Amino acid sequence: MASVLILGAGSDMAVAIAREFAAKKYDILLAARNSNALIPLQQDLQIRFDIKASVHDFDALAFDTHAAFYNNLPQVPDITICVFGYLGEQEKAEQNWDETARIIHTNYTGAVSILNIVAESYAASGKGLIVGISSVAGERGRMSNYIYGSAKAGFTAYLSGLRNRLFHKGIHVMSVQPGFVNTRMTQHLKLPPVITAQPEDVAVAIYKGVMKKKNTLYVKWHWRYIMLIITSIPEGIFKKLKL
């Protein structure tokens, strides 16, 4: 039976993704900092979908543990989905390096660290598929979240380069741009309903995207055109806006 490794399995999106793939009869490997908190989800997946599920300790910021984490998994996952991220507080990050570093290392450095290891494993075997959840925030820096956006911009570029490299090894890499998603991470924000996805929408879109081997996936189609407009605004005008 095929298997899926979910990195950052405690988030709302990750739970929805786990359920979507489990419903399609994939075994699920759940990885997060507090693996004990994942046990109820593990048990639910096994009982509800009659699949195998396991939990594993994984800390995106503990870079020196990533190789051992991956090598100690009970099996090499057929699909690896990198879900973890940290929105952080822009105003706090402007004055506090610890907040800046947490945003950058969670959204970029940690993801690159573990996916480099996964990529080498997949390249050696000639099979596997990687999914990275980035953000439309990385498509143009805005005053409201440019620390987070810059980290996601780096991650988007990383996934693009990885896709280019691994294509020649028979490995597919999909970049996901969810846009606004109604989760615990965004519950303090006022999000427009029309362009805001639910975690279940993201999960279904990712599964379909994996099946079709899409390169870049916008969960809500509107975002492709919204970002086209935003990235097309001349810098002389854009810098005067408060976005």
C-alpha atoms as a PDB file:
ATOM      1  CA  MET A   1       0.000   0.000   0.000  1.00  0.00           C
ATOM      2  CA  ALA A   2       1.275   3.487  -0.885  1.00  0.00           C
ATOM      3  CA  SER A   3       2.171   5.839   1.966  1.00  0.00           C
ATOM      4  CA  VAL A   4       2.214   9.567   2.660  1.00  0.00           C
ATOM      5  CA  LEU A   5       4.520  11.403   5.070  1.00  0.00           C
ATOM      6  CA  ILE A   6       2.927  14.583   6.430  1.00  0.00           C
ATOM      7  CA  LEU A   7       5.420  17.022   7.932  1.00  0.00           C
ATOM      8  CA  GLY A   8       3.726  19.345  10.394  1.00  0.00           C
ATOM      9  CA  ALA A   9       0.822  16.984  10.910  1.00  0.00           C
ATOM     10  CA  GLY A  10      -0.806  18.885  13.757  1.00  0.00           C
ATOM     11  CA  SER A  11      -2.178  21.791  11.717  1.00  0.00           C
ATOM     12  CA  ASP A  12      -5.755  22.060  10.475  1.00  0.00           C
ATOM     13  CA  MET A  13      -4.658  21.681   6.851  1.00  0.00           C
ATOM     14  CA  ALA A  14      -2.483  18.680   7.684  1.00  0.00           C
ATOM     15  CA  VAL A  15      -5.324  16.890   9.473  1.00  0.00           C
ATOM     16  CA  ALA A  16      -7.592  17.417   6.468  1.00  0.00           C
ATOM     17  CA  ILE A  17      -4.853  16.189   4.112  1.00  0.00           C
ATOM     18  CA  ALA A  18      -4.284  13.094   6.246  1.00  0.00           C
ATOM     19  CA  ARG A  19      -7.976  12.248   6.143  1.00  0.00           C
ATOM     20  CA  GLU A  20      -8.216  12.814   2.399  1.00  0.00           C
ATOM     21  CA  PHE A  21      -5.317  10.482   1.591  1.00  0.00           C
ATOM     22  CA  ALA A  22      -6.382   7.925   4.195  1.00  0.00           C
ATOM     23  CA  ALA A  23      -9.822   7.849   2.565  1.00  0.00           C
ATOM     24  CA  LYS A  24      -8.021   6.935  -0.666  1.00  0.00           C
ATOM     25  CA  LYS A  25      -6.326   4.047   1.195  1.00  0.00           C
ATOM     26  CA  TYR A  26      -2.869   5.521   1.655  1.00  0.00           C
ATOM     27  CA  ASP A  27      -0.970   4.622   4.825  1.00  0.00           C
ATOM     28  CA  ILE A  28      -0.193   7.800   6.756  1.00  0.00           C
ATOM     29  CA  LEU A  29       2.981   8.818   8.595  1.00  0.00           C
ATOM     30  CA  LEU A  30       2.209  11.755  10.877  1.00  0.00           C
ATOM     31  CA  ALA A  31       5.178  13.887  11.940  1.00  0.00           C
ATOM     32  CA  ALA A  32       5.164  16.873  14.295  1.00  0.00           C
ATOM     33  CA  ARG A  33       6.935  18.305  17.345  1.00  0.00           C
ATOM     34  CA  ASN A  34       4.480  16.771  19.796  1.00  0.00           C
ATOM     35  CA  SER A  35       3.755  13.345  18.360  1.00  0.00           C
ATOM     36  CA  ASN A  36       1.712  12.343  21.405  1.00  0.00           C
ATOM     37  CA  ALA A  37      -0.876  14.936  20.443  1.00  0.00           C
ATOM     38  CA  LEU A  38      -1.291  13.108  17.119  1.00  0.00           C
ATOM     39  CA  ILE A  39      -2.298   9.775  18.667  1.00  0.00           C
ATOM     40  CA  PRO A  40      -6.066  10.509  18.590  1.00  0.00           C
ATOM     41  CA  LEU A  41      -5.770  11.373  14.893  1.00  0.00           C
ATOM     42  CA  GLN A  42      -3.675   8.250  14.260  1.00  0.00           C
ATOM     43  CA  GLN A  43      -6.294   6.043  15.912  1.00  0.00           C
ATOM     44  CA  ASP A  44      -9.150   7.761  14.114  1.00  0.00           C
ATOM     45  CA  LEU A  45      -7.492   7.275  10.718  1.00  0.00           C
ATOM     46  CA  GLN A  46      -6.840   3.585  11.367  1.00  0.00           C
ATOM     47  CA  ILE A  47     -10.368   2.841  12.579  1.00  0.00           C
ATOM     48  CA  ARG A  48     -12.271   5.010  10.133  1.00  0.00           C
ATOM     49  CA  PHE A  49     -10.343   4.201   6.963  1.00  0.00           C
ATOM     50  CA  ASP A  50      -8.793   0.788   7.743  1.00  0.00           C
ATOM     51  CA  ILE A  51      -5.246   1.913   6.950  1.00  0.00           C
ATOM     52  CA  LYS A  52      -1.959   1.962   8.847  1.00  0.00           C
ATOM     53  CA  ALA A  53      -1.003   5.211  10.559  1.00  0.00           C
ATOM     54  CA  SER A  54       2.043   6.034  12.666  1.00  0.00           C
ATOM     55  CA  VAL A  55       3.251   9.065  14.615  1.00  0.00           C
ATOM     56  CA  HIS A  56       6.784  10.465  14.687  1.00  0.00           C
ATOM     57  CA  ASP A  57       8.600  13.272  16.486  1.00  0.00           C
ATOM     58  CA  PHE A  58       9.768  15.948  14.060  1.00  0.00           C
ATOM     59  CA  ASP A  59      10.936  19.473  14.802  1.00  0.00           C
ATOM     60  CA  ALA A  60      11.381  21.661  11.728  1.00  0.00           C
ATOM     61  CA  LEU A  61      13.853  23.874  13.586  1.00  0.00           C
ATOM     62  CA  ALA A  62      16.056  21.026  14.875  1.00  0.00           C
ATOM     63  CA  PHE A  63      17.973  20.743  11.618  1.00  0.00           C
ATOM     64  CA  ASP A  64      20.603  18.338  12.937  1.00  0.00           C
ATOM     65  CA  THR A  65      17.893  15.757  13.752  1.00  0.00           C
ATOM     66  CA  HIS A  66      16.310  15.657  10.309  1.00  0.00           C
ATOM     67  CA  ALA A  67      18.487  12.950   8.783  1.00  0.00           C
ATOM     68  CA  ALA A  68      17.972  10.600  11.730  1.00  0.00           C
ATOM     69  CA  PHE A  69      14.248  11.303  11.719  1.00  0.00           C
ATOM     70  CA  TYR A  70      13.910  10.363   8.059  1.00  0.00           C
ATOM     71  CA  ASN A  71      16.214   7.352   8.229  1.00  0.00           C
ATOM     72  CA  ASN A  72      14.288   5.948  11.217  1.00  0.00           C
ATOM     73  CA  LEU A  73      10.897   6.024   9.519  1.00  0.00           C
ATOM     74  CA  PRO A  74       9.357   2.547   9.231  1.00  0.00           C
ATOM     75  CA  GLN A  75       9.225   2.893   5.442  1.00  0.00           C
ATOM     76  CA  VAL A  76      10.238   5.274   2.700  1.00  0.00           C
ATOM     77  CA  PRO A  77       7.077   7.273   1.984  1.00  0.00           C
ATOM     78  CA  ASP A  78       5.837   7.355  -1.585  1.00  0.00           C
ATOM     79  CA  ILE A  79       4.676  10.944  -1.116  1.00  0.00           C
ATOM     80  CA  THR A  80       6.061  13.602   1.219  1.00  0.00           C
ATOM     81  CA  ILE A  81       3.922  16.657   1.968  1.00  0.00           C
ATOM     82  CA  CYS A  82       5.546  19.613   3.732  1.00  0.00           C
ATOM     83  CA  VAL A  83       2.717  21.420   5.509  1.00  0.00           C
ATOM     84  CA  PHE A  84       4.360  23.180   8.437  1.00  0.00           C
ATOM     85  CA  GLY A  85       4.636  26.959   8.539  1.00  0.00           C
ATOM     86  CA  TYR A  86       4.509  29.948  10.834  1.00  0.00           C
ATOM     87  CA  LEU A  87       2.748  33.204   9.956  1.00  0.00           C
ATOM     88  CA  GLY A  88       4.230  35.153  12.850  1.00  0.00           C
ATOM     89  CA  GLU A  89       3.728  38.843  13.595  1.00  0.00           C
ATOM     90  CA  GLN A  90       5.160  41.316  11.096  1.00  0.00           C
ATOM     91  CA  GLU A  91       5.331  44.292  13.468  1.00  0.00           C
ATOM     92  CA  LYS A  92       6.985  42.199  16.158  1.00  0.00           C
ATOM     93  CA  ALA A  93       9.472  40.784  13.655  1.00  0.00           C
ATOM     94  CA  GLU A  94      10.481  44.277  12.580  1.00  0.00           C
ATOM     95  CA  GLN A  95      11.892  44.892  16.055  1.00  0.00           C
ATOM     96  CA  ASN A  96      12.584  41.411  17.386  1.00  0.00           C
ATOM     97  CA  TRP A  97      15.162  39.192  15.682  1.00  0.00           C
ATOM     98  CA  ASP A  98      13.935  36.051  17.447  1.00  0.00           C
ATOM     99  CA  GLU A  99      10.525  36.469  15.789  1.00  0.00           C
ATOM    100  CA  THR A 100      12.149  37.165  12.432  1.00  0.00           C
ATOM    101  CA  ALA A 101      14.368  34.101  12.726  1.00  0.00           C
ATOM    102  CA  ARG A 102      11.445  31.882  13.713  1.00  0.00           C
ATOM    103  CA  ILE A 103       9.456  33.008  10.674  1.00  0.00           C
ATOM    104  CA  ILE A 104      12.375  32.518   8.282  1.00  0.00           C
ATOM    105  CA  HIS A 105      13.616  29.224   9.663  1.00  0.00           C
ATOM    106  CA  THR A 106      10.172  27.646   9.994  1.00  0.00           C
ATOM    107  CA  ASN A 107       8.961  28.624   6.529  1.00  0.00           C
ATOM    108  CA  TYR A 108      12.209  28.253   4.623  1.00  0.00           C
ATOM    109  CA  THR A 109      15.294  26.811   6.316  1.00  0.00           C
ATOM    110  CA  GLY A 110      13.529  23.950   8.070  1.00  0.00           C
ATOM    111  CA  ALA A 111      11.623  23.001   4.945  1.00  0.00           C
ATOM    112  CA  VAL A 112      14.767  23.025   2.817  1.00  0.00           C
ATOM    113  CA  SER A 113      16.656  20.987   5.416  1.00  0.00           C
ATOM    114  CA  ILE A 114      14.199  18.088   5.489  1.00  0.00           C
ATOM    115  CA  LEU A 115      13.253  18.190   1.806  1.00  0.00           C
ATOM    116  CA  ASN A 116      16.914  18.036   0.767  1.00  0.00           C
ATOM    117  CA  ILE A 117      17.089  14.714   2.614  1.00  0.00           C
ATOM    118  CA  VAL A 118      13.841  13.446   1.094  1.00  0.00           C
ATOM    119  CA  ALA A 119      14.957  14.542  -2.369  1.00  0.00           C
ATOM    120  CA  GLU A 120      18.225  12.622  -2.117  1.00  0.00           C
ATOM    121  CA  SER A 121      16.358   9.508  -1.012  1.00  0.00           C
ATOM    122  CA  TYR A 122      13.881   9.766  -3.875  1.00  0.00           C
ATOM    123  CA  ALA A 123      16.571  10.545  -6.441  1.00  0.00           C
ATOM    124  CA  ALA A 124      18.516   7.452  -5.398  1.00  0.00           C
ATOM    125  CA  SER A 125      15.497   5.180  -5.799  1.00  0.00           C
ATOM    126  CA  GLY A 126      14.055   6.896  -8.873  1.00  0.00           C
ATOM    127  CA  LYS A 127      10.585   7.221  -7.385  1.00  0.00           C
ATOM    128  CA  GLY A 128       8.631   9.460  -5.056  1.00  0.00           C
ATOM    129  CA  LEU A 129       6.644  12.687  -5.089  1.00  0.00           C
ATOM    130  CA  ILE A 130       7.120  15.872  -3.045  1.00  0.00           C
ATOM    131  CA  VAL A 131       4.473  18.467  -2.225  1.00  0.00           C
ATOM    132  CA  GLY A 132       5.424  21.789  -0.648  1.00  0.00           C
ATOM    133  CA  ILE A 133       2.830  24.216   0.681  1.00  0.00           C
ATOM    134  CA  SER A 134       4.080  27.731   0.041  1.00  0.00           C
ATOM    135  CA  SER A 135       2.031  30.939  -0.119  1.00  0.00           C
ATOM    136  CA  VAL A 136       0.826  33.636  -2.499  1.00  0.00           C
ATOM    137  CA  ALA A 137       2.467  36.024  -0.007  1.00  0.00           C
ATOM    138  CA  GLY A 138       5.770  35.050  -1.607  1.00  0.00           C
ATOM    139  CA  GLU A 139       4.833  36.392  -5.025  1.00  0.00           C
ATOM    140  CA  ARG A 140       5.342  40.053  -4.082  1.00  0.00           C
ATOM    141  CA  GLY A 141       6.523  41.648  -0.863  1.00  0.00           C
ATOM    142  CA  ARG A 142       3.863  43.681   0.958  1.00  0.00           C
ATOM    143  CA  MET A 143       4.293  45.894   4.012  1.00  0.00           C
ATOM    144  CA  SER A 144       1.844  43.814   6.068  1.00  0.00           C
ATOM    145  CA  ASN A 145       3.830  40.557   5.951  1.00  0.00           C
ATOM    146  CA  TYR A 146       7.102  40.905   4.037  1.00  0.00           C
ATOM    147  CA  ILE A 147       9.135  38.811   6.496  1.00  0.00           C
ATOM    148  CA  TYR A 148       6.781  35.855   6.073  1.00  0.00           C
ATOM    149  CA  GLY A 149       6.401  36.618   2.363  1.00  0.00           C
ATOM    150  CA  SER A 150      10.149  36.681   1.766  1.00  0.00           C
ATOM    151  CA  ALA A 151      10.560  33.286   3.435  1.00  0.00           C
ATOM    152  CA  LYS A 152       7.755  31.848   1.315  1.00  0.00           C
ATOM    153  CA  ALA A 153       9.257  33.450  -1.800  1.00  0.00           C
ATOM    154  CA  GLY A 154      12.458  31.569  -1.067  1.00  0.00           C
ATOM    155  CA  PHE A 155      10.540  28.337  -0.536  1.00  0.00           C
ATOM    156  CA  THR A 156       8.642  28.782  -3.800  1.00  0.00           C
ATOM    157  CA  ALA A 157      11.928  29.300  -5.669  1.00  0.00           C
ATOM    158  CA  TYR A 158      13.411  26.266  -3.912  1.00  0.00           C
ATOM    159  CA  LEU A 159      10.494  24.056  -4.961  1.00  0.00           C
ATOM    160  CA  SER A 160      10.767  25.308  -8.538  1.00  0.00           C
ATOM    161  CA  GLY A 161      14.464  24.475  -8.694  1.00  0.00           C
ATOM    162  CA  LEU A 162      13.919  21.117  -7.011  1.00  0.00           C
ATOM    163  CA  ARG A 163      11.188  20.306  -9.529  1.00  0.00           C
ATOM    164  CA  ASN A 164      13.543  21.191 -12.372  1.00  0.00           C
ATOM    165  CA  ARG A 165      16.316  18.995 -10.953  1.00  0.00           C
ATOM    166  CA  LEU A 166      14.236  15.978  -9.929  1.00  0.00           C
ATOM    167  CA  PHE A 167      12.232  15.840 -13.150  1.00  0.00           C
ATOM    168  CA  HIS A 168      15.325  14.320 -14.732  1.00  0.00           C
ATOM    169  CA  LYS A 169      15.305  11.631 -12.020  1.00  0.00           C
ATOM    170  CA  GLY A 170      11.649  10.717 -12.578  1.00  0.00           C
ATOM    171  CA  ILE A 171      10.506  12.548  -9.408  1.00  0.00           C
ATOM    172  CA  HIS A 172       7.672  15.085  -9.394  1.00  0.00           C
ATOM    173  CA  VAL A 173       7.514  18.172  -7.162  1.00  0.00           C
ATOM    174  CA  MET A 174       4.295  20.158  -6.723  1.00  0.00           C
ATOM    175  CA  SER A 175       4.108  23.675  -5.286  1.00  0.00           C
ATOM    176  CA  VAL A 176       0.865  24.631  -3.543  1.00  0.00           C
ATOM    177  CA  GLN A 177      -0.359  28.228  -3.191  1.00  0.00           C
ATOM    178  CA  PRO A 178      -3.404  27.974  -0.930  1.00  0.00           C
ATOM    179  CA  GLY A 179      -4.223  31.687  -0.581  1.00  0.00           C
ATOM    180  CA  PHE A 180      -6.403  32.460   2.434  1.00  0.00           C
ATOM    181  CA  VAL A 181      -7.373  29.372   4.443  1.00  0.00           C
ATOM    182  CA  ASN A 182      -9.698  29.352   7.424  1.00  0.00           C
ATOM    183  CA  THR A 183      -7.474  27.802  10.114  1.00  0.00           C
ATOM    184  CA  ARG A 184      -6.334  28.444  13.660  1.00  0.00           C
ATOM    185  CA  MET A 185      -3.338  30.316  12.237  1.00  0.00           C
ATOM    186  CA  THR A 186      -5.615  32.862  10.518  1.00  0.00           C
ATOM    187  CA  GLN A 187      -8.526  32.987  12.956  1.00  0.00           C
ATOM    188  CA  HIS A 188      -7.559  36.498  14.091  1.00  0.00           C
ATOM    189  CA  LEU A 189      -7.807  37.840  10.524  1.00  0.00           C
ATOM    190  CA  LYS A 190     -10.904  39.047   8.674  1.00  0.00           C
ATOM    191  CA  LEU A 191     -10.809  36.957   5.506  1.00  0.00           C
ATOM    192  CA  PRO A 192     -13.062  37.492   2.457  1.00  0.00           C
ATOM    193  CA  PRO A 193     -15.249  34.360   2.146  1.00  0.00           C
ATOM    194  CA  VAL A 194     -15.193  34.144  -1.662  1.00  0.00           C
ATOM    195  CA  ILE A 195     -11.417  33.662  -1.847  1.00  0.00           C
ATOM    196  CA  THR A 196     -10.967  31.839   1.466  1.00  0.00           C
ATOM    197  CA  ALA A 197     -10.627  28.052   1.369  1.00  0.00           C
ATOM    198  CA  GLN A 198     -11.448  25.554   4.085  1.00  0.00           C
ATOM    199  CA  PRO A 199      -8.778  22.994   5.090  1.00  0.00           C
ATOM    200  CA  GLU A 200     -10.860  20.289   3.390  1.00  0.00           C
ATOM    201  CA  ASP A 201     -10.756  22.286   0.129  1.00  0.00           C
ATOM    202  CA  VAL A 202      -6.973  22.336   0.320  1.00  0.00           C
ATOM    203  CA  ALA A 203      -6.827  18.597   0.987  1.00  0.00           C
ATOM    204  CA  VAL A 204      -9.055  17.694  -1.962  1.00  0.00           C
ATOM    205  CA  ALA A 205      -7.163  20.042  -4.276  1.00  0.00           C
ATOM    206  CA  ILE A 206      -3.807  18.575  -3.242  1.00  0.00           C
ATOM    207  CA  TYR A 207      -4.973  15.005  -3.790  1.00  0.00           C
ATOM    208  CA  LYS A 208      -6.307  15.873  -7.251  1.00  0.00           C
ATOM    209  CA  GLY A 209      -3.141  17.833  -8.022  1.00  0.00           C
ATOM    210  CA  VAL A 210      -0.961  14.879  -7.036  1.00  0.00           C
ATOM    211  CA  MET A 211      -2.992  12.561  -9.265  1.00  0.00           C
ATOM    212  CA  LYS A 212      -2.594  14.970 -12.203  1.00  0.00           C
ATOM    213  CA  LYS A 213       1.032  15.784 -11.319  1.00  0.00           C
ATOM    214  CA  LYS A 214       0.440  19.514 -11.409  1.00  0.00           C
ATOM    215  CA  ASN A 215       3.467  21.754 -11.095  1.00  0.00           C
ATOM    216  CA  THR A 216       1.836  24.677  -9.297  1.00  0.00           C
ATOM    217  CA  LEU A 217      -1.548  24.489  -7.619  1.00  0.00           C
ATOM    218  CA  TYR A 218      -3.750  27.427  -6.645  1.00  0.00           C
ATOM    219  CA  VAL A 219      -6.444  26.037  -4.353  1.00  0.00           C
ATOM    220  CA  LYS A 220      -8.908  28.810  -5.257  1.00  0.00           C
ATOM    221  CA  TRP A 221      -8.628  29.657  -8.953  1.00  0.00           C
ATOM    222  CA  HIS A 222      -9.164  33.362  -8.228  1.00  0.00           C
ATOM    223  CA  TRP A 223      -5.686  33.647  -6.714  1.00  0.00           C
ATOM    224  CA  ARG A 224      -3.867  33.043  -9.982  1.00  0.00           C
ATOM    225  CA  TYR A 225      -5.459  36.188 -11.422  1.00  0.00           C
ATOM    226  CA  ILE A 226      -5.341  38.206  -8.203  1.00  0.00           C
ATOM    227  CA  MET A 227      -1.592  37.657  -8.008  1.00  0.00           C
ATOM    228  CA  LEU A 228      -1.175  38.389 -11.718  1.00  0.00           C
ATOM    229  CA  ILE A 229      -2.738  41.800 -11.095  1.00  0.00           C
ATOM    230  CA  ILE A 230      -0.717  42.444  -7.927  1.00  0.00           C
ATOM    231  CA  THR A 231       2.602  41.486  -9.532  1.00  0.00           C
ATOM    232  CA  SER A 232       1.813  43.649 -12.589  1.00  0.00           C
ATOM    233  CA  ILE A 233       1.394  46.914 -10.655  1.00  0.00           C
ATOM    234  CA  PRO A 234       4.369  49.214 -11.412  1.00  0.00           C
ATOM    235  CA  GLU A 235       6.680  49.611  -8.418  1.00  0.00           C
ATOM    236  CA  GLY A 236       6.225  53.394  -8.429  1.00  0.00           C
ATOM    237  CA  ILE A 237       2.528  52.893  -7.742  1.00  0.00           C
ATOM    238  CA  PHE A 238       2.811  49.739  -5.640  1.00  0.00           C
ATOM    239  CA  LYS A 239       5.101  51.246  -3.014  1.00  0.00           C
ATOM    240  CA  LYS A 240       2.482  53.938  -2.294  1.00  0.00           C
ATOM    241  CA  LEU A 241      -0.181  51.375  -1.486  1.00  0.00           C
ATOM    242  CA  LYS A 242      -0.853  50.048   1.991  1.00  0.00           C
ATOM    243  CA  LEU A 243      -1.179  46.305   1.466  1.00  0.00           C
END
